[in-house]
Protein backbone atom coordinates (compact mmCIF):
# COMPACT_ATOMS: atom_id res chain seq x y z
CA MET A 1 -113.56 197.35 -7.59
CA LYS A 2 -116.88 195.95 -7.42
CA SER A 3 -118.72 194.32 -10.84
CA PRO A 4 -121.23 196.27 -12.34
CA VAL A 5 -124.45 195.13 -11.77
CA PHE A 6 -127.73 195.20 -14.28
CA ALA A 7 -130.87 194.56 -13.98
CA VAL A 8 -132.36 192.16 -16.59
CA ALA A 9 -136.28 191.62 -17.41
CA LEU A 10 -137.12 188.69 -19.64
CA VAL A 11 -140.70 189.32 -21.88
CA ALA A 12 -142.24 186.57 -24.15
CA LEU A 13 -143.69 188.18 -26.65
CA THR A 14 -146.14 186.67 -29.37
CA ALA A 15 -147.74 188.36 -32.57
CA ALA A 16 -150.25 187.02 -35.44
CA GLY A 17 -152.31 189.01 -38.22
CA THR A 18 -154.70 188.82 -40.21
CA ALA A 19 -156.16 190.42 -42.99
CA ALA A 20 -159.09 190.59 -45.40
CA VAL A 21 -160.93 192.25 -48.41
CA VAL A 22 -164.44 191.37 -48.35
CA PHE A 23 -166.67 192.86 -51.15
CA PRO A 24 -170.40 193.77 -50.98
CA ALA A 25 -172.77 191.39 -52.48
CA ALA A 26 -175.32 191.92 -55.19
CA THR A 27 -178.11 191.47 -52.81
CA ALA A 28 -179.01 192.56 -49.17
CA GLN A 29 -177.73 189.86 -46.91
CA SER A 30 -177.94 189.91 -42.96
CA PRO A 31 -174.74 190.13 -41.21
CA GLN A 32 -174.75 186.73 -40.05
CA ALA A 33 -175.25 185.53 -43.29
CA GLN A 34 -172.30 187.79 -44.73
CA ALA A 35 -169.51 186.60 -41.69
CA ALA A 36 -171.11 182.51 -42.54
CA SER A 37 -170.28 183.15 -46.35
CA ALA A 38 -167.03 185.12 -46.27
CA PRO A 39 -163.62 183.36 -47.45
CA PRO A 40 -161.69 182.73 -44.51
CA ALA A 41 -158.76 185.65 -43.52
CA VAL A 42 -155.77 185.39 -45.02
CA PRO A 43 -152.84 185.51 -42.95
CA LEU A 44 -149.85 188.05 -44.09
CA VAL A 45 -147.76 187.02 -41.06
CA THR A 46 -147.31 183.18 -39.90
CA GLY A 47 -145.32 181.95 -36.93
CA LEU A 48 -142.30 183.94 -36.04
CA PRO A 49 -138.68 182.84 -37.28
CA ASP A 50 -136.11 180.33 -35.57
CA PHE A 51 -132.44 182.12 -35.97
CA THR A 52 -130.39 179.08 -34.44
CA ARG A 53 -129.33 177.85 -37.93
CA LEU A 54 -128.43 181.74 -38.56
CA VAL A 55 -126.63 181.84 -35.73
CA ASP A 56 -124.58 178.83 -35.93
CA ARG A 57 -123.17 179.66 -39.41
CA VAL A 58 -122.41 183.10 -39.10
CA ALA A 59 -121.11 183.81 -35.35
CA PRO A 60 -117.89 182.21 -36.16
CA ALA A 61 -117.28 185.47 -37.74
CA VAL A 62 -118.19 187.67 -35.09
CA VAL A 63 -114.82 189.09 -33.40
CA ASN A 64 -114.61 191.02 -30.03
CA ILE A 65 -112.57 193.67 -29.89
CA GLU A 66 -110.58 195.26 -27.34
CA VAL A 67 -108.87 198.76 -27.44
CA ILE A 68 -105.94 200.56 -25.40
CA ILE A 69 -106.67 203.82 -25.97
CA GLY A 70 -103.87 206.51 -25.14
CA PRO A 71 -103.71 209.63 -23.62
CA ARG A 72 -106.25 211.75 -24.69
CA ASP A 73 -108.36 215.47 -24.07
CA THR A 74 -111.55 214.79 -21.76
CA ARG A 75 -111.93 218.41 -22.42
CA GLN A 76 -112.58 217.56 -26.44
CA ALA A 77 -114.52 214.61 -25.70
CA GLN A 78 -116.98 216.16 -23.51
CA GLN A 79 -117.28 219.00 -25.85
CA GLN A 80 -119.13 216.67 -28.98
CA LEU A 81 -122.09 217.07 -27.97
CA PRO A 82 -124.07 220.29 -26.63
CA ASP A 83 -125.02 219.74 -23.12
CA ASP A 84 -128.80 220.84 -23.43
CA MET A 85 -129.32 218.33 -26.10
CA PRO A 86 -131.87 216.12 -24.46
CA GLU A 87 -132.13 213.41 -26.81
CA PHE A 88 -128.89 212.42 -29.24
CA PHE A 89 -127.25 209.49 -31.33
CA ARG A 90 -125.09 208.14 -28.71
CA ARG A 91 -121.92 206.06 -29.46
CA PHE A 92 -121.14 203.22 -27.02
CA PHE A 93 -118.27 202.62 -25.96
CA GLY A 94 -115.14 204.33 -24.35
CA PRO A 95 -113.50 205.77 -21.57
CA GLY A 96 -113.74 209.52 -20.95
CA SER A 97 -116.92 209.49 -23.11
CA PRO A 98 -119.36 212.31 -22.58
CA PHE A 99 -122.31 209.96 -21.92
CA PRO A 100 -124.72 209.41 -19.09
CA GLY A 101 -123.75 205.91 -17.27
CA MET A 102 -120.11 205.49 -18.96
CA PRO A 103 -116.72 204.84 -17.66
CA GLN A 104 -115.02 208.46 -17.26
CA ASP A 105 -111.24 208.97 -17.52
CA PRO A 106 -110.85 212.21 -15.83
CA GLY A 107 -107.38 212.11 -15.53
CA GLY A 108 -106.50 212.07 -19.65
CA ARG A 109 -104.67 208.82 -18.88
CA GLY A 110 -106.71 206.65 -21.33
CA GLY A 111 -108.00 203.31 -20.56
CA LEU A 112 -109.64 200.29 -22.22
CA SER A 113 -112.80 200.16 -24.32
CA MET A 114 -114.68 197.24 -26.13
CA GLY A 115 -116.50 196.88 -29.31
CA SER A 116 -117.63 193.96 -31.83
CA GLY A 117 -116.57 193.79 -35.28
CA PHE A 118 -116.60 190.73 -38.00
CA LEU A 119 -114.63 189.02 -40.46
CA ILE A 120 -115.34 190.21 -43.98
CA SER A 121 -112.17 187.81 -45.60
CA ALA A 122 -110.64 184.75 -45.15
CA ASP A 123 -107.09 185.99 -45.07
CA GLY A 124 -107.96 188.39 -41.68
CA TYR A 125 -109.48 191.90 -42.61
CA VAL A 126 -112.31 193.23 -39.66
CA ILE A 127 -114.63 195.53 -40.16
CA THR A 128 -115.94 197.58 -37.15
CA ASN A 129 -116.62 201.16 -36.45
CA HIS A 130 -114.44 204.22 -36.87
CA HIS A 131 -115.17 205.35 -32.77
CA VAL A 132 -114.35 201.95 -32.12
CA VAL A 133 -110.62 202.06 -32.56
CA ASP A 134 -110.25 206.18 -32.59
CA GLY A 135 -107.56 206.79 -30.90
CA ALA A 136 -106.51 203.44 -30.17
CA THR A 137 -102.97 202.55 -29.40
CA THR A 138 -103.23 199.11 -29.43
CA VAL A 139 -106.16 196.77 -30.78
CA ARG A 140 -106.93 192.92 -29.95
CA VAL A 141 -109.35 191.03 -31.45
CA THR A 142 -110.93 188.00 -30.26
CA LEU A 143 -112.18 185.08 -32.51
CA PRO A 144 -115.41 182.96 -30.82
CA ASP A 145 -113.05 179.89 -30.49
CA ARG A 146 -110.75 182.13 -28.07
CA ARG A 147 -107.90 182.66 -30.38
CA GLY A 148 -106.78 186.38 -29.97
CA PHE A 149 -104.58 188.44 -32.55
CA ASP A 150 -102.99 192.07 -32.35
CA ALA A 151 -104.84 193.77 -35.20
CA GLU A 152 -103.51 196.33 -37.60
CA VAL A 153 -105.68 199.61 -38.35
CA VAL A 154 -105.38 199.75 -42.22
CA GLY A 155 -107.43 202.85 -42.51
CA SER A 156 -110.41 204.73 -40.67
CA ASP A 157 -113.14 207.13 -41.85
CA GLU A 158 -114.87 209.12 -39.59
CA GLN A 159 -117.60 210.52 -41.94
CA SER A 160 -119.06 207.00 -42.51
CA ASP A 161 -117.58 205.79 -39.13
CA VAL A 162 -115.99 202.80 -40.96
CA ALA A 163 -112.44 201.07 -39.62
CA LEU A 164 -110.68 198.56 -41.33
CA LEU A 165 -108.71 195.94 -39.41
CA LYS A 166 -106.24 193.31 -40.51
CA VAL A 167 -105.14 190.54 -38.62
CA ASP A 168 -102.49 188.09 -39.31
CA ALA A 169 -104.26 184.99 -40.16
CA SER A 170 -105.40 182.36 -42.68
CA GLY A 171 -108.53 180.20 -43.20
CA LEU A 172 -111.02 182.18 -41.32
CA PRO A 173 -114.25 182.26 -41.38
CA PHE A 174 -116.17 185.58 -42.76
CA LEU A 175 -119.22 186.86 -43.76
CA ARG A 176 -120.86 187.48 -47.31
CA ALA A 177 -122.14 191.15 -47.62
CA GLY A 178 -126.00 191.49 -48.73
CA LYS A 179 -127.31 194.01 -50.87
CA ALA A 180 -128.11 197.07 -48.88
CA ALA A 181 -130.96 198.62 -51.65
CA ASP A 182 -132.88 194.92 -51.09
CA VAL A 183 -133.45 195.89 -47.42
CA LYS A 184 -136.97 196.57 -46.76
CA PRO A 185 -139.45 198.18 -43.68
CA GLY A 186 -140.71 195.26 -41.70
CA GLN A 187 -138.20 192.36 -42.82
CA TRP A 188 -136.32 191.00 -39.73
CA ALA A 189 -132.82 191.56 -38.66
CA VAL A 190 -130.64 190.20 -36.13
CA ALA A 191 -127.38 192.05 -34.73
CA ILE A 192 -124.55 189.76 -33.00
CA GLY A 193 -122.31 191.62 -30.89
CA SER A 194 -120.77 192.38 -27.21
CA PRO A 195 -122.90 194.64 -25.39
CA PHE A 196 -121.17 195.39 -22.21
CA GLY A 197 -118.25 193.27 -22.84
CA PHE A 198 -121.07 189.97 -23.14
CA ASP A 199 -119.56 188.45 -26.48
CA GLN A 200 -121.81 186.61 -28.88
CA SER A 201 -124.97 188.07 -27.72
CA VAL A 202 -127.90 188.15 -30.20
CA THR A 203 -130.64 189.94 -31.18
CA ALA A 204 -133.45 190.20 -33.49
CA GLY A 205 -136.41 192.87 -34.75
CA ILE A 206 -137.11 194.33 -37.68
CA VAL A 207 -136.17 197.30 -39.94
CA SER A 208 -138.26 200.20 -39.49
CA ALA A 209 -136.82 202.51 -41.70
CA VAL A 210 -134.17 203.11 -44.50
CA GLY A 211 -132.26 206.29 -45.44
CA ARG A 212 -132.41 207.79 -42.08
CA ALA A 213 -130.38 210.84 -41.99
CA ASN A 214 -128.22 211.94 -39.02
CA HIS A 215 -128.75 215.67 -37.90
CA TYR A 216 -126.42 215.28 -34.91
CA ALA A 217 -123.31 214.05 -36.42
CA ASN A 218 -120.87 214.63 -39.18
CA GLN A 219 -122.25 211.90 -41.10
CA ARG A 220 -124.03 213.53 -43.96
CA TYR A 221 -122.81 210.84 -46.47
CA VAL A 222 -124.38 207.82 -44.50
CA PRO A 223 -128.13 206.89 -44.89
CA PHE A 224 -128.85 204.75 -42.10
CA ILE A 225 -131.12 201.87 -41.60
CA GLN A 226 -133.13 202.54 -38.51
CA THR A 227 -134.15 199.26 -36.33
CA ASP A 228 -136.04 198.12 -33.37
CA VAL A 229 -132.84 195.24 -32.80
CA ALA A 230 -131.88 195.82 -29.23
CA ILE A 231 -128.44 197.32 -29.52
CA ASN A 232 -126.12 198.65 -26.20
CA ARG A 233 -122.48 199.68 -25.65
CA GLY A 234 -120.64 197.01 -27.06
CA ASN A 235 -122.60 196.35 -29.96
CA SER A 236 -120.58 198.91 -32.25
CA GLY A 237 -119.19 197.63 -34.98
CA GLY A 238 -120.46 194.28 -35.21
CA PRO A 239 -123.02 193.20 -38.19
CA LEU A 240 -126.87 193.88 -38.76
CA LEU A 241 -127.81 190.27 -41.16
CA ASN A 242 -130.31 189.46 -43.18
CA THR A 243 -132.36 186.47 -42.69
CA SER A 244 -129.91 184.62 -45.35
CA GLY A 245 -127.51 185.06 -42.98
CA GLU A 246 -125.81 188.24 -45.35
CA VAL A 247 -124.44 191.46 -43.82
CA ILE A 248 -126.73 194.60 -44.31
CA GLY A 249 -125.20 196.94 -41.94
CA ILE A 250 -123.00 197.92 -39.18
CA ASN A 251 -124.74 198.33 -35.83
CA SER A 252 -123.42 202.07 -35.31
CA GLN A 253 -125.55 204.14 -33.23
CA ILE A 254 -128.77 204.46 -30.63
CA PHE A 255 -131.50 207.61 -30.25
CA SER A 256 -131.50 207.92 -26.38
CA ASN A 257 -132.43 209.64 -23.51
CA SER A 258 -130.74 207.27 -21.24
CA GLY A 259 -127.65 205.87 -22.91
CA GLY A 260 -129.43 202.84 -23.07
CA TYR A 261 -131.81 201.22 -25.97
CA MET A 262 -134.94 202.83 -26.35
CA GLY A 263 -136.34 200.88 -29.85
CA VAL A 264 -134.61 203.17 -31.86
CA SER A 265 -131.25 201.73 -33.29
CA PHE A 266 -129.37 202.52 -36.44
CA ALA A 267 -126.99 200.67 -38.47
CA ILE A 268 -124.70 202.00 -41.60
CA PRO A 269 -125.65 200.28 -44.89
CA ILE A 270 -123.43 197.30 -46.13
CA ASP A 271 -122.95 198.98 -49.67
CA VAL A 272 -121.44 202.32 -47.91
CA VAL A 273 -119.15 200.21 -45.62
CA MET A 274 -117.61 197.92 -48.59
CA ASN A 275 -117.01 201.02 -50.73
CA VAL A 276 -115.40 202.36 -47.75
CA ALA A 277 -113.31 199.11 -46.61
CA ASP A 278 -112.29 198.55 -50.58
CA GLN A 279 -111.20 202.88 -50.84
CA LEU A 280 -109.16 202.07 -47.40
CA LYS A 281 -107.34 198.74 -48.51
CA ALA A 282 -106.49 200.21 -51.76
CA THR A 283 -105.22 203.68 -50.65
CA GLY A 284 -105.97 203.87 -46.91
CA GLN A 285 -107.81 206.89 -46.94
CA VAL A 286 -111.67 207.53 -48.42
CA ARG A 287 -112.54 209.79 -51.69
CA ARG A 288 -115.82 211.36 -52.01
CA GLY A 289 -117.45 213.17 -54.93
CA GLN A 290 -118.85 216.54 -54.67
CA MET A 291 -121.45 218.83 -56.50
CA GLY A 292 -120.30 221.68 -55.07
CA VAL A 293 -124.36 222.76 -53.67
CA GLN A 294 -126.03 223.99 -50.73
CA VAL A 295 -129.72 221.95 -50.08
CA GLN A 296 -132.48 222.36 -48.32
CA GLU A 297 -135.83 220.59 -47.93
CA ILE A 298 -139.09 221.43 -49.53
CA ARG A 299 -142.03 221.95 -47.69
CA ALA A 300 -145.47 222.13 -49.37
CA ASP A 301 -145.72 226.00 -48.92
CA ALA A 302 -142.14 226.06 -50.92
CA ALA A 303 -143.57 223.99 -53.57
CA GLN A 304 -145.97 226.02 -54.33
CA GLY A 305 -144.05 228.84 -54.55
CA LEU A 306 -141.47 226.69 -57.19
CA GLY A 307 -144.55 225.44 -59.00
CA LEU A 308 -143.81 221.75 -58.34
CA PRO A 309 -146.04 219.02 -58.57
CA ASP A 310 -145.06 217.64 -55.33
CA THR A 311 -142.47 217.90 -52.40
CA ARG A 312 -139.94 215.86 -53.83
CA GLY A 313 -136.10 216.83 -54.49
CA ALA A 314 -133.30 218.82 -53.33
CA LEU A 315 -133.79 222.64 -53.19
CA VAL A 316 -130.55 224.30 -54.46
CA ALA A 317 -130.47 227.09 -51.59
CA ASP A 318 -126.66 228.09 -52.43
CA VAL A 319 -123.86 226.77 -55.48
CA ILE A 320 -120.00 227.29 -54.71
CA ALA A 321 -118.39 229.52 -57.16
CA GLY A 322 -116.36 227.94 -59.52
CA GLY A 323 -117.11 224.53 -58.59
CA ALA A 324 -118.87 221.23 -59.89
CA ALA A 325 -122.59 222.52 -60.43
CA ALA A 326 -121.81 225.82 -61.59
CA LYS A 327 -119.87 225.02 -64.66
CA ALA A 328 -123.19 222.64 -65.00
CA GLY A 329 -125.30 225.19 -64.70
CA ILE A 330 -126.90 224.31 -61.60
CA GLN A 331 -128.76 227.98 -60.12
CA ARG A 332 -130.25 228.87 -56.96
CA GLY A 333 -133.43 227.94 -57.03
CA ASP A 334 -133.23 224.73 -59.24
CA VAL A 335 -134.94 221.87 -57.65
CA ILE A 336 -132.63 218.76 -57.83
CA ARG A 337 -134.85 215.80 -58.67
CA GLU A 338 -132.85 212.91 -59.80
CA VAL A 339 -129.40 211.55 -59.92
CA ASP A 340 -128.41 209.47 -62.75
CA GLY A 341 -132.31 207.66 -62.74
CA MET A 342 -132.36 207.75 -58.89
CA ARG A 343 -134.98 209.89 -57.60
CA ILE A 344 -134.52 212.36 -54.77
CA ASN A 345 -137.24 212.49 -52.27
CA GLN A 346 -135.80 214.39 -49.67
CA SER A 347 -132.58 216.88 -49.46
CA SER A 348 -130.70 214.11 -47.18
CA ASP A 349 -130.74 211.55 -50.34
CA LEU A 350 -128.28 214.31 -52.27
CA PRO A 351 -125.66 214.10 -50.21
CA PRO A 352 -124.60 209.99 -49.56
CA MET A 353 -125.68 209.56 -53.35
CA ILE A 354 -122.96 212.00 -54.84
CA GLY A 355 -120.35 211.28 -51.77
CA ALA A 356 -120.17 207.65 -52.67
CA LYS A 357 -119.21 208.65 -56.32
CA ALA A 358 -115.73 209.11 -56.98
CA PRO A 359 -114.41 212.57 -57.58
CA GLY A 360 -114.01 212.87 -61.69
CA SER A 361 -117.59 211.17 -61.90
CA ARG A 362 -119.64 212.18 -64.42
CA VAL A 363 -123.76 212.71 -63.14
CA SER A 364 -126.75 212.79 -65.13
CA VAL A 365 -128.58 215.43 -63.21
CA LYS A 366 -132.44 216.13 -63.79
CA VAL A 367 -133.50 219.58 -62.27
CA TRP A 368 -136.84 221.56 -62.06
CA ARG A 369 -136.42 225.38 -62.95
CA GLU A 370 -138.98 227.78 -64.11
CA GLY A 371 -141.70 225.37 -64.34
CA ARG A 372 -139.93 222.26 -66.17
CA THR A 373 -137.29 219.99 -66.02
CA ARG A 374 -133.87 220.13 -67.52
CA ASP A 375 -131.35 217.66 -68.02
CA LEU A 376 -127.86 218.61 -67.09
CA THR A 377 -124.70 216.96 -66.88
CA VAL A 378 -122.30 217.49 -63.46
CA THR A 379 -118.39 216.03 -63.22
CA LEU A 380 -117.89 216.06 -59.67
CA THR A 381 -114.92 217.54 -58.03
CA GLU A 382 -113.76 215.66 -54.89
CA LEU A 383 -115.17 216.53 -51.40
CA ASP A 384 -113.56 219.44 -49.49
CA GLU A 385 -115.39 220.09 -46.47
CA GLY A 386 -114.08 223.15 -46.09
CA VAL A 387 -115.53 224.73 -48.96
CA ALA A 388 -119.04 225.09 -48.28
CA ALA A 389 -118.42 226.89 -44.53
CA GLY A 390 -120.91 229.48 -43.97
CA PRO A 391 -119.94 233.62 -43.72
CA GLN A 392 -120.00 235.23 -40.66
CA ARG A 393 -123.11 237.41 -39.48
CA PRO A 394 -123.37 240.93 -41.33
CA GLY A 395 -123.96 244.03 -39.81
CA ALA A 396 -126.41 246.67 -41.23
CA GLY A 397 -126.08 249.63 -42.97
CA ALA A 398 -128.84 252.45 -42.39
CA PRO A 399 -132.31 250.85 -43.00
CA ALA A 400 -134.99 252.36 -44.84
CA ALA A 401 -137.48 254.53 -43.52
CA LYS A 402 -140.66 252.38 -43.49
CA PRO A 403 -141.70 249.31 -45.53
CA SER A 404 -142.80 249.84 -49.15
CA ASN A 405 -143.78 246.14 -49.42
CA PRO A 406 -146.84 244.18 -48.91
CA LEU A 407 -144.58 241.97 -46.91
CA GLY A 408 -143.58 244.50 -44.56
CA ILE A 409 -139.70 244.15 -45.45
CA VAL A 410 -137.32 246.86 -44.29
CA GLY A 411 -134.20 246.57 -45.68
CA SER A 412 -130.88 248.53 -45.92
CA GLU A 413 -127.99 249.00 -48.13
CA LEU A 414 -124.59 246.12 -47.30
CA GLY A 415 -121.45 247.89 -47.12
CA ALA A 416 -117.98 247.16 -49.18
CA GLU A 417 -116.55 245.17 -45.97
CA GLN A 418 -119.80 243.58 -45.13
CA ARG A 419 -120.06 242.31 -49.18
CA ARG A 420 -116.16 241.11 -48.84
CA ARG A 421 -116.92 239.26 -45.63
CA LEU A 422 -119.81 237.28 -47.45
CA ASP A 423 -118.54 236.92 -50.37
CA LEU A 424 -120.95 238.44 -51.86
CA GLY A 425 -120.49 240.54 -55.15
CA PRO A 426 -121.89 244.40 -55.79
CA ASP A 427 -125.21 242.93 -57.55
CA GLU A 428 -126.63 240.68 -54.55
CA GLY A 429 -127.55 241.18 -51.09
CA VAL A 430 -130.16 243.72 -48.95
CA ALA A 431 -129.56 243.33 -45.29
CA VAL A 432 -133.00 243.08 -43.36
CA ALA A 433 -133.10 245.76 -40.82
CA ARG A 434 -136.74 245.21 -39.64
CA VAL A 435 -139.62 242.78 -40.35
CA GLU A 436 -143.10 244.84 -39.92
CA GLY A 437 -145.15 241.89 -41.61
CA LEU A 438 -146.56 239.48 -39.56
CA ALA A 439 -146.39 236.70 -42.44
CA ALA A 440 -142.44 237.44 -43.13
CA ARG A 441 -141.94 237.09 -39.57
CA SER A 442 -143.97 233.64 -39.04
CA ALA A 443 -141.79 232.74 -41.87
CA GLY A 444 -138.51 233.29 -39.81
CA ILE A 445 -137.17 236.27 -41.57
CA GLN A 446 -135.05 238.33 -38.87
CA PRO A 447 -133.17 241.65 -38.41
CA GLY A 448 -129.84 240.41 -39.42
CA ASP A 449 -130.71 238.20 -42.18
CA VAL A 450 -129.87 239.42 -45.95
CA ILE A 451 -131.56 238.73 -48.93
CA LEU A 452 -130.06 237.71 -51.67
CA GLN A 453 -133.21 236.88 -54.25
CA VAL A 454 -136.53 237.08 -54.73
CA GLY A 455 -137.83 234.54 -56.67
CA ARG A 456 -135.07 234.05 -59.26
CA VAL A 457 -133.96 237.70 -59.21
CA ASN A 458 -131.13 238.95 -57.44
CA VAL A 459 -131.13 242.03 -55.19
CA ALA A 460 -128.60 244.10 -54.47
CA THR A 461 -130.59 247.41 -52.84
CA PRO A 462 -133.27 248.30 -51.06
CA ALA A 463 -135.22 249.40 -53.48
CA GLU A 464 -134.73 246.57 -55.49
CA LEU A 465 -136.03 244.57 -53.16
CA ASP A 466 -139.12 246.87 -52.78
CA ARG A 467 -139.81 246.76 -56.17
CA GLU A 468 -139.79 242.73 -56.50
CA LEU A 469 -141.52 242.51 -53.09
CA ALA A 470 -144.27 244.64 -54.96
CA LYS A 471 -144.67 242.23 -57.23
CA ALA A 472 -146.58 239.74 -54.66
CA ARG A 473 -149.81 239.04 -54.12
CA VAL A 474 -151.99 238.41 -51.17
CA GLY A 475 -152.14 234.28 -51.03
CA GLU A 476 -149.37 234.28 -53.58
CA THR A 477 -146.36 232.46 -51.91
CA VAL A 478 -142.52 234.19 -52.51
CA MET A 479 -139.39 232.03 -52.73
CA LEU A 480 -136.76 234.20 -50.75
CA LEU A 481 -133.29 233.55 -50.71
CA VAL A 482 -131.77 234.26 -47.45
CA ARG A 483 -128.48 234.28 -45.99
CA ASN A 484 -129.30 233.93 -42.68
CA ARG A 485 -127.61 235.31 -38.70
CA SER A 486 -125.50 231.85 -38.42
CA GLY A 487 -124.17 231.44 -41.67
CA GLY A 488 -126.24 229.38 -43.90
CA THR A 489 -128.41 229.94 -47.13
CA GLN A 490 -131.47 228.95 -47.63
CA PHE A 491 -135.26 229.44 -49.58
CA ILE A 492 -137.98 230.41 -47.07
CA ALA A 493 -141.56 230.62 -48.56
CA VAL A 494 -143.28 233.49 -47.70
CA THR A 495 -146.95 233.82 -48.46
CA PRO A 496 -148.57 237.49 -48.23
CA ARG A 497 -152.07 237.72 -46.41
CA ASN A 498 -154.06 240.69 -45.14
CA GLU A 499 -153.04 242.20 -42.06
CA SER A 500 -155.16 244.42 -39.72
CA LYS A 501 -152.98 248.02 -39.07
């Protein structure tokens, strides 16, 4: 078999930055005089860091992981992500992978794959990614001093993409965990790992953003750290470090068109990692708290319709019957603004915040409802991913003859069987038969949707829908709670306007 050939480009980079604030003098001066009298600019960034001492100290605790994968169903692997998705989060290792440029295993016989990891204790506990060891029959950990150990998979959690391994050794070097809350955009970050099998490779860059949500994989409980640190296949599971040599995350994913590094890399924050590792070590599994709500982002038009002063928070589109939120009094249309004193800036902030708490925990929640803030206490239940599964698309009964509301929405009755399939009571839900109003069409209302509420008022018949929509005024935003055709529930803001006939 021929060895792969990689093209390597070396680029020298320099950087400098200055900034100054100059206040006008009391008397007029010529530009030359102003330049001569202005104080010298104070550099905000000076020089570039030297990472050699950091690498010398931490590299001995960064390990290479070889995994033997048993027989697998490659058809399942090929279906992990849609074929038509032009850009997506890619995992970087493994035979049978559906990603371009990676070795294939068409016979489903398994094979050898590689990743990275790091020691977190002197007695041999190792952290890596779940996807590095998923399906493994044998895991081999090799230290930088070339000692190798067969590793036991203590536990692995797919939702966080964290795995905990154990090797039978003592007196090993290990890394210290930093604080994810202290990670800020713009700070330096260093990665060490085994890209393409080149172990102990060091790359550096800056933190680009924190709290990033992953919309393409089942990792709603991870607020990713985004960096521009060069990460490639084989870096999975390796540490992301701050300039003190503390681990601030696990390198996990990249966002790419080609399958290779493009300047957008993602790491799992170390607080999430250690929470999962502690649970795996104690019980072999991970338990997460659940509030029992379906939430959505708040756009400017929705904020106007809800009477919010800004777009901050998570808008509650649905509440699971009998769940923790329902028992605490949280309702559809509420906006969750804080949890235990921590601000919710966007809806994706809520799942990792709640998921990090143990089932049975009591959390203080601030919600916005009808123009004011209310304080509620929620006792979390244990996460059940299947509870919030959306219903199937409904059918529609006989539609009304014509719309009699300013939004031009024609409703139709839901039959008993349709309500049963949608898990709707007799006092909620009107099927959308036609949409004749331009504003409603532009907002995304389509036939087949089911309108559950207008504002905070439940509607169950076309007459009730017309009556509530008739209250709408041109230029005033109306919030409609809609069960869409794919089964999701969300609020949609519609602003009526004058339309030519």
